[in-house]
PDB file of N, CA and C in Angstrom:
ATOM      1  N   MET A   1       0.837  -1.180   0.000  1.00  0.00           N
ATOM      2  CA  MET A   1       0.000   0.000   0.000  1.00  0.00           C
ATOM      3  C   MET A   1       0.874   1.233   0.000  1.00  0.00           C
ATOM      4  N   ASN A   2       0.368   2.254  -0.584  1.00  0.00           N
ATOM      5  CA  ASN A   2       1.072   3.521  -0.610  1.00  0.00           C
ATOM      6  C   ASN A   2       0.559   4.394   0.519  1.00  0.00           C
ATOM      7  N   ALA A   3       1.418   4.699   1.488  1.00  0.00           N
ATOM      8  CA  ALA A   3       1.028   5.600   2.560  1.00  0.00           C
ATOM      9  C   ALA A   3       1.134   7.031   2.049  1.00  0.00           C
ATOM     10  N   THR A   4       0.131   7.842   2.343  1.00  0.00           N
ATOM     11  CA  THR A   4       0.154   9.230   1.890  1.00  0.00           C
ATOM     12  C   THR A   4       0.467  10.150   3.052  1.00  0.00           C
ATOM     13  N   THR A   5       1.115  11.239   2.744  1.00  0.00           N
ATOM     14  CA  THR A   5       1.363  12.279   3.723  1.00  0.00           C
ATOM     15  C   THR A   5       0.560  13.497   3.304  1.00  0.00           C
ATOM     16  N   LYS A   6       0.605  14.518   4.119  1.00  0.00           N
ATOM     17  CA  LYS A   6      -0.160  15.719   3.804  1.00  0.00           C
ATOM     18  C   LYS A   6       0.264  16.313   2.462  1.00  0.00           C
ATOM     19  N   GLN A   7       1.542  16.171   2.112  1.00  0.00           N
ATOM     20  CA  GLN A   7       2.039  16.724   0.860  1.00  0.00           C
ATOM     21  C   GLN A   7       1.610  15.888  -0.341  1.00  0.00           C
ATOM     22  N   HIS A   8       1.184  14.654  -0.133  1.00  0.00           N
ATOM     23  CA  HIS A   8       0.867  13.756  -1.240  1.00  0.00           C
ATOM     24  C   HIS A   8      -0.628  13.477  -1.358  1.00  0.00           C
ATOM     25  N   VAL A   9      -1.450  14.469  -1.130  1.00  0.00           N
ATOM     26  CA  VAL A   9      -2.895  14.295  -1.235  1.00  0.00           C
ATOM     27  C   VAL A   9      -3.287  13.913  -2.659  1.00  0.00           C
ATOM     28  N   ALA A  10      -2.512  14.312  -3.638  1.00  0.00           N
ATOM     29  CA  ALA A  10      -2.809  13.968  -5.034  1.00  0.00           C
ATOM     30  C   ALA A  10      -2.806  12.459  -5.246  1.00  0.00           C
ATOM     31  N   ASN A  11      -2.058  11.702  -4.432  1.00  0.00           N
ATOM     32  CA  ASN A  11      -2.042  10.246  -4.554  1.00  0.00           C
ATOM     33  C   ASN A  11      -3.424   9.650  -4.338  1.00  0.00           C
ATOM     34  N   VAL A  12      -4.246  10.291  -3.540  1.00  0.00           N
ATOM     35  CA  VAL A  12      -5.589   9.787  -3.276  1.00  0.00           C
ATOM     36  C   VAL A  12      -6.397   9.796  -4.561  1.00  0.00           C
ATOM     37  N   ARG A  13      -6.188  10.797  -5.389  1.00  0.00           N
ATOM     38  CA  ARG A  13      -6.928  10.920  -6.640  1.00  0.00           C
ATOM     39  C   ARG A  13      -6.235  10.226  -7.810  1.00  0.00           C
ATOM     40  N   GLU A  14      -5.086   9.651  -7.569  1.00  0.00           N
ATOM     41  CA  GLU A  14      -4.275   9.066  -8.638  1.00  0.00           C
ATOM     42  C   GLU A  14      -5.000   7.973  -9.419  1.00  0.00           C
ATOM     43  N   HIS A  15      -5.782   7.144  -8.745  1.00  0.00           N
ATOM     44  CA  HIS A  15      -6.413   5.995  -9.391  1.00  0.00           C
ATOM     45  C   HIS A  15      -7.897   6.207  -9.667  1.00  0.00           C
ATOM     46  N   PHE A  16      -8.391   7.442  -9.554  1.00  0.00           N
ATOM     47  CA  PHE A  16      -9.816   7.671  -9.775  1.00  0.00           C
ATOM     48  C   PHE A  16     -10.233   7.466 -11.219  1.00  0.00           C
ATOM     49  N   ASP A  17      -9.291   7.436 -12.144  1.00  0.00           N
ATOM     50  CA  ASP A  17      -9.647   7.194 -13.538  1.00  0.00           C
ATOM     51  C   ASP A  17      -9.896   5.711 -13.815  1.00  0.00           C
ATOM     52  N   LYS A  18      -9.543   4.849 -12.888  1.00  0.00           N
ATOM     53  CA  LYS A  18      -9.764   3.413 -13.060  1.00  0.00           C
ATOM     54  C   LYS A  18     -11.168   3.061 -12.574  1.00  0.00           C
ATOM     55  N   ASP A  19     -11.706   1.935 -13.055  1.00  0.00           N
ATOM     56  CA  ASP A  19     -13.050   1.529 -12.655  1.00  0.00           C
ATOM     57  C   ASP A  19     -13.135   1.214 -11.171  1.00  0.00           C
ATOM     58  N   LYS A  20     -12.123   0.518 -10.653  1.00  0.00           N
ATOM     59  CA  LYS A  20     -12.143   0.129  -9.244  1.00  0.00           C
ATOM     60  C   LYS A  20     -10.806   0.471  -8.606  1.00  0.00           C
ATOM     61  N   HIS A  21     -10.867   0.998  -7.397  1.00  0.00           N
ATOM     62  CA  HIS A  21      -9.680   1.298  -6.616  1.00  0.00           C
ATOM     63  C   HIS A  21     -10.075   1.298  -5.151  1.00  0.00           C
ATOM     64  N   LEU A  22      -9.104   1.207  -4.275  1.00  0.00           N
ATOM     65  CA  LEU A  22      -9.367   1.171  -2.846  1.00  0.00           C
ATOM     66  C   LEU A  22      -8.663   2.333  -2.162  1.00  0.00           C
ATOM     67  N   VAL A  23      -9.369   2.974  -1.248  1.00  0.00           N
ATOM     68  CA  VAL A  23      -8.787   3.994  -0.389  1.00  0.00           C
ATOM     69  C   VAL A  23      -8.988   3.497   1.033  1.00  0.00           C
ATOM     70  N   PHE A  24      -7.876   3.236   1.730  1.00  0.00           N
ATOM     71  CA  PHE A  24      -7.928   2.686   3.082  1.00  0.00           C
ATOM     72  C   PHE A  24      -7.560   3.772   4.073  1.00  0.00           C
ATOM     73  N   GLY A  25      -8.509   4.171   4.909  1.00  0.00           N
ATOM     74  CA  GLY A  25      -8.267   5.157   5.951  1.00  0.00           C
ATOM     75  C   GLY A  25      -7.976   4.453   7.262  1.00  0.00           C
ATOM     76  N   TYR A  26      -6.947   4.892   7.976  1.00  0.00           N
ATOM     77  CA  TYR A  26      -6.538   4.248   9.219  1.00  0.00           C
ATOM     78  C   TYR A  26      -5.972   5.286  10.179  1.00  0.00           C
ATOM     79  N   THR A  27      -5.806   4.881  11.427  1.00  0.00           N
ATOM     80  CA  THR A  27      -5.010   5.636  12.386  1.00  0.00           C
ATOM     81  C   THR A  27      -3.982   4.664  12.960  1.00  0.00           C
ATOM     82  N   PRO A  28      -2.771   5.110  13.209  1.00  0.00           N
ATOM     83  CA  PRO A  28      -1.703   4.209  13.645  1.00  0.00           C
ATOM     84  C   PRO A  28      -1.975   3.502  14.976  1.00  0.00           C
ATOM     85  N   THR A  29      -2.773   4.091  15.842  1.00  0.00           N
ATOM     86  CA  THR A  29      -3.021   3.487  17.150  1.00  0.00           C
ATOM     87  C   THR A  29      -4.266   2.613  17.188  1.00  0.00           C
ATOM     88  N   CYS A  30      -4.941   2.459  16.078  1.00  0.00           N
ATOM     89  CA  CYS A  30      -6.195   1.699  16.022  1.00  0.00           C
ATOM     90  C   CYS A  30      -5.911   0.215  15.787  1.00  0.00           C
ATOM     91  N   GLY A  31      -6.280  -0.623  16.737  1.00  0.00           N
ATOM     92  CA  GLY A  31      -6.087  -2.061  16.592  1.00  0.00           C
ATOM     93  C   GLY A  31      -6.972  -2.656  15.514  1.00  0.00           C
ATOM     94  N   THR A  32      -8.200  -2.191  15.418  1.00  0.00           N
ATOM     95  CA  THR A  32      -9.114  -2.681  14.385  1.00  0.00           C
ATOM     96  C   THR A  32      -8.606  -2.318  12.995  1.00  0.00           C
ATOM     97  N   CYS A  33      -7.999  -1.158  12.854  1.00  0.00           N
ATOM     98  CA  CYS A  33      -7.433  -0.744  11.562  1.00  0.00           C
ATOM     99  C   CYS A  33      -6.313  -1.685  11.134  1.00  0.00           C
ATOM    100  N   LYS A  34      -5.485  -2.109  12.085  1.00  0.00           N
ATOM    101  CA  LYS A  34      -4.379  -3.012  11.764  1.00  0.00           C
ATOM    102  C   LYS A  34      -4.894  -4.369  11.297  1.00  0.00           C
ATOM    103  N   ILE A  35      -5.935  -4.867  11.947  1.00  0.00           N
ATOM    104  CA  ILE A  35      -6.525  -6.150  11.551  1.00  0.00           C
ATOM    105  C   ILE A  35      -7.182  -6.032  10.182  1.00  0.00           C
ATOM    106  N   SER A  36      -7.938  -4.959   9.970  1.00  0.00           N
ATOM    107  CA  SER A  36      -8.607  -4.806   8.675  1.00  0.00           C
ATOM    108  C   SER A  36      -7.596  -4.581   7.550  1.00  0.00           C
ATOM    109  N   GLU A  37      -6.471  -3.946   7.845  1.00  0.00           N
ATOM    110  CA  GLU A  37      -5.434  -3.764   6.828  1.00  0.00           C
ATOM    111  C   GLU A  37      -4.857  -5.110   6.403  1.00  0.00           C
ATOM    112  N   ARG A  38      -4.623  -5.990   7.369  1.00  0.00           N
ATOM    113  CA  ARG A  38      -4.123  -7.331   7.030  1.00  0.00           C
ATOM    114  C   ARG A  38      -5.134  -8.095   6.188  1.00  0.00           C
ATOM    115  N   MET A  39      -6.415  -8.014   6.559  1.00  0.00           N
ATOM    116  CA  MET A  39      -7.458  -8.703   5.791  1.00  0.00           C
ATOM    117  C   MET A  39      -7.555  -8.120   4.380  1.00  0.00           C
ATOM    118  N   LEU A  40      -7.442  -6.815   4.256  1.00  0.00           N
ATOM    119  CA  LEU A  40      -7.493  -6.166   2.949  1.00  0.00           C
ATOM    120  C   LEU A  40      -6.315  -6.595   2.073  1.00  0.00           C
ATOM    121  N   ASP A  41      -5.127  -6.689   2.664  1.00  0.00           N
ATOM    122  CA  ASP A  41      -3.949  -7.137   1.912  1.00  0.00           C
ATOM    123  C   ASP A  41      -4.137  -8.555   1.380  1.00  0.00           C
ATOM    124  N   ILE A  42      -4.681  -9.431   2.205  1.00  0.00           N
ATOM    125  CA  ILE A  42      -4.909 -10.817   1.788  1.00  0.00           C
ATOM    126  C   ILE A  42      -5.937 -10.876   0.669  1.00  0.00           C
ATOM    127  N   ALA A  43      -7.044 -10.161   0.823  1.00  0.00           N
ATOM    128  CA  ALA A  43      -8.088 -10.170  -0.208  1.00  0.00           C
ATOM    129  C   ALA A  43      -7.582  -9.546  -1.505  1.00  0.00           C
ATOM    130  N   ASN A  44      -6.748  -8.539  -1.388  1.00  0.00           N
ATOM    131  CA  ASN A  44      -6.281  -7.842  -2.585  1.00  0.00           C
ATOM    132  C   ASN A  44      -5.196  -8.616  -3.334  1.00  0.00           C
ATOM    133  N   GLU A  45      -4.648  -9.661  -2.747  1.00  0.00           N
ATOM    134  CA  GLU A  45      -3.696 -10.495  -3.490  1.00  0.00           C
ATOM    135  C   GLU A  45      -4.388 -11.154  -4.675  1.00  0.00           C
ATOM    136  N   ILE A  46      -5.673 -11.391  -4.568  1.00  0.00           N
ATOM    137  CA  ILE A  46      -6.445 -11.975  -5.668  1.00  0.00           C
ATOM    138  C   ILE A  46      -6.908 -10.884  -6.629  1.00  0.00           C
ATOM    139  N   LEU A  47      -7.421  -9.788  -6.086  1.00  0.00           N
ATOM    140  CA  LEU A  47      -8.017  -8.738  -6.913  1.00  0.00           C
ATOM    141  C   LEU A  47      -6.995  -7.851  -7.612  1.00  0.00           C
ATOM    142  N   LYS A  48      -5.867  -7.602  -6.978  1.00  0.00           N
ATOM    143  CA  LYS A  48      -4.805  -6.748  -7.543  1.00  0.00           C
ATOM    144  C   LYS A  48      -5.298  -5.345  -7.897  1.00  0.00           C
ATOM    145  N   LEU A  49      -6.076  -4.750  -6.989  1.00  0.00           N
ATOM    146  CA  LEU A  49      -6.563  -3.388  -7.201  1.00  0.00           C
ATOM    147  C   LEU A  49      -5.560  -2.383  -6.639  1.00  0.00           C
ATOM    148  N   PRO A  50      -5.514  -1.182  -7.203  1.00  0.00           N
ATOM    149  CA  PRO A  50      -4.652  -0.149  -6.625  1.00  0.00           C
ATOM    150  C   PRO A  50      -5.211   0.299  -5.274  1.00  0.00           C
ATOM    151  N   ILE A  51      -4.325   0.413  -4.291  1.00  0.00           N
ATOM    152  CA  ILE A  51      -4.725   0.815  -2.935  1.00  0.00           C
ATOM    153  C   ILE A  51      -3.935   2.054  -2.541  1.00  0.00           C
ATOM    154  N   THR A  52      -4.629   3.010  -1.939  1.00  0.00           N
ATOM    155  CA  THR A  52      -3.984   4.168  -1.334  1.00  0.00           C
ATOM    156  C   THR A  52      -4.305   4.136   0.147  1.00  0.00           C
ATOM    157  N   LYS A  53      -3.273   4.232   0.976  1.00  0.00           N
ATOM    158  CA  LYS A  53      -3.424   4.183   2.427  1.00  0.00           C
ATOM    159  C   LYS A  53      -3.309   5.606   2.971  1.00  0.00           C
ATOM    160  N   ILE A  54      -4.316   6.029   3.759  1.00  0.00           N
ATOM    161  CA  ILE A  54      -4.358   7.403   4.260  1.00  0.00           C
ATOM    162  C   ILE A  54      -4.420   7.405   5.786  1.00  0.00           C
ATOM    163  N   ASP A  55      -3.486   8.109   6.411  1.00  0.00           N
ATOM    164  CA  ASP A  55      -3.502   8.300   7.857  1.00  0.00           C
ATOM    165  C   ASP A  55      -4.553   9.368   8.159  1.00  0.00           C
ATOM    166  N   LEU A  56      -5.629   8.980   8.817  1.00  0.00           N
ATOM    167  CA  LEU A  56      -6.747   9.892   9.068  1.00  0.00           C
ATOM    168  C   LEU A  56      -6.413  10.991  10.079  1.00  0.00           C
ATOM    169  N   ASN A  57      -5.299  10.858  10.789  1.00  0.00           N
ATOM    170  CA  ASN A  57      -4.869  11.938  11.674  1.00  0.00           C
ATOM    171  C   ASN A  57      -4.449  13.171  10.876  1.00  0.00           C
ATOM    172  N   PHE A  58      -4.018  12.958   9.639  1.00  0.00           N
ATOM    173  CA  PHE A  58      -3.573  14.058   8.791  1.00  0.00           C
ATOM    174  C   PHE A  58      -4.574  14.412   7.703  1.00  0.00           C
ATOM    175  N   HIS A  59      -5.558  13.562   7.466  1.00  0.00           N
ATOM    176  CA  HIS A  59      -6.582  13.785   6.438  1.00  0.00           C
ATOM    177  C   HIS A  59      -7.966  13.621   7.061  1.00  0.00           C
ATOM    178  N   PRO A  60      -8.404  14.591   7.859  1.00  0.00           N
ATOM    179  CA  PRO A  60      -9.708  14.423   8.534  1.00  0.00           C
ATOM    180  C   PRO A  60     -10.878  14.457   7.574  1.00  0.00           C
TER     181      PRO A  60
END
């Protein structure tokens, strides 16, 4: 996954021209976010969709 910073907000829109893409919002201290990220990685090994990972502390 591509982690975005405040300077790289354009990465969020990078894959909007494709039919399907994933935007994963998380916070570093969230245990549920860590589990769902692992599940998303496993599921996406089959789908091979572009994923953008966004730290919600910096992108409210």
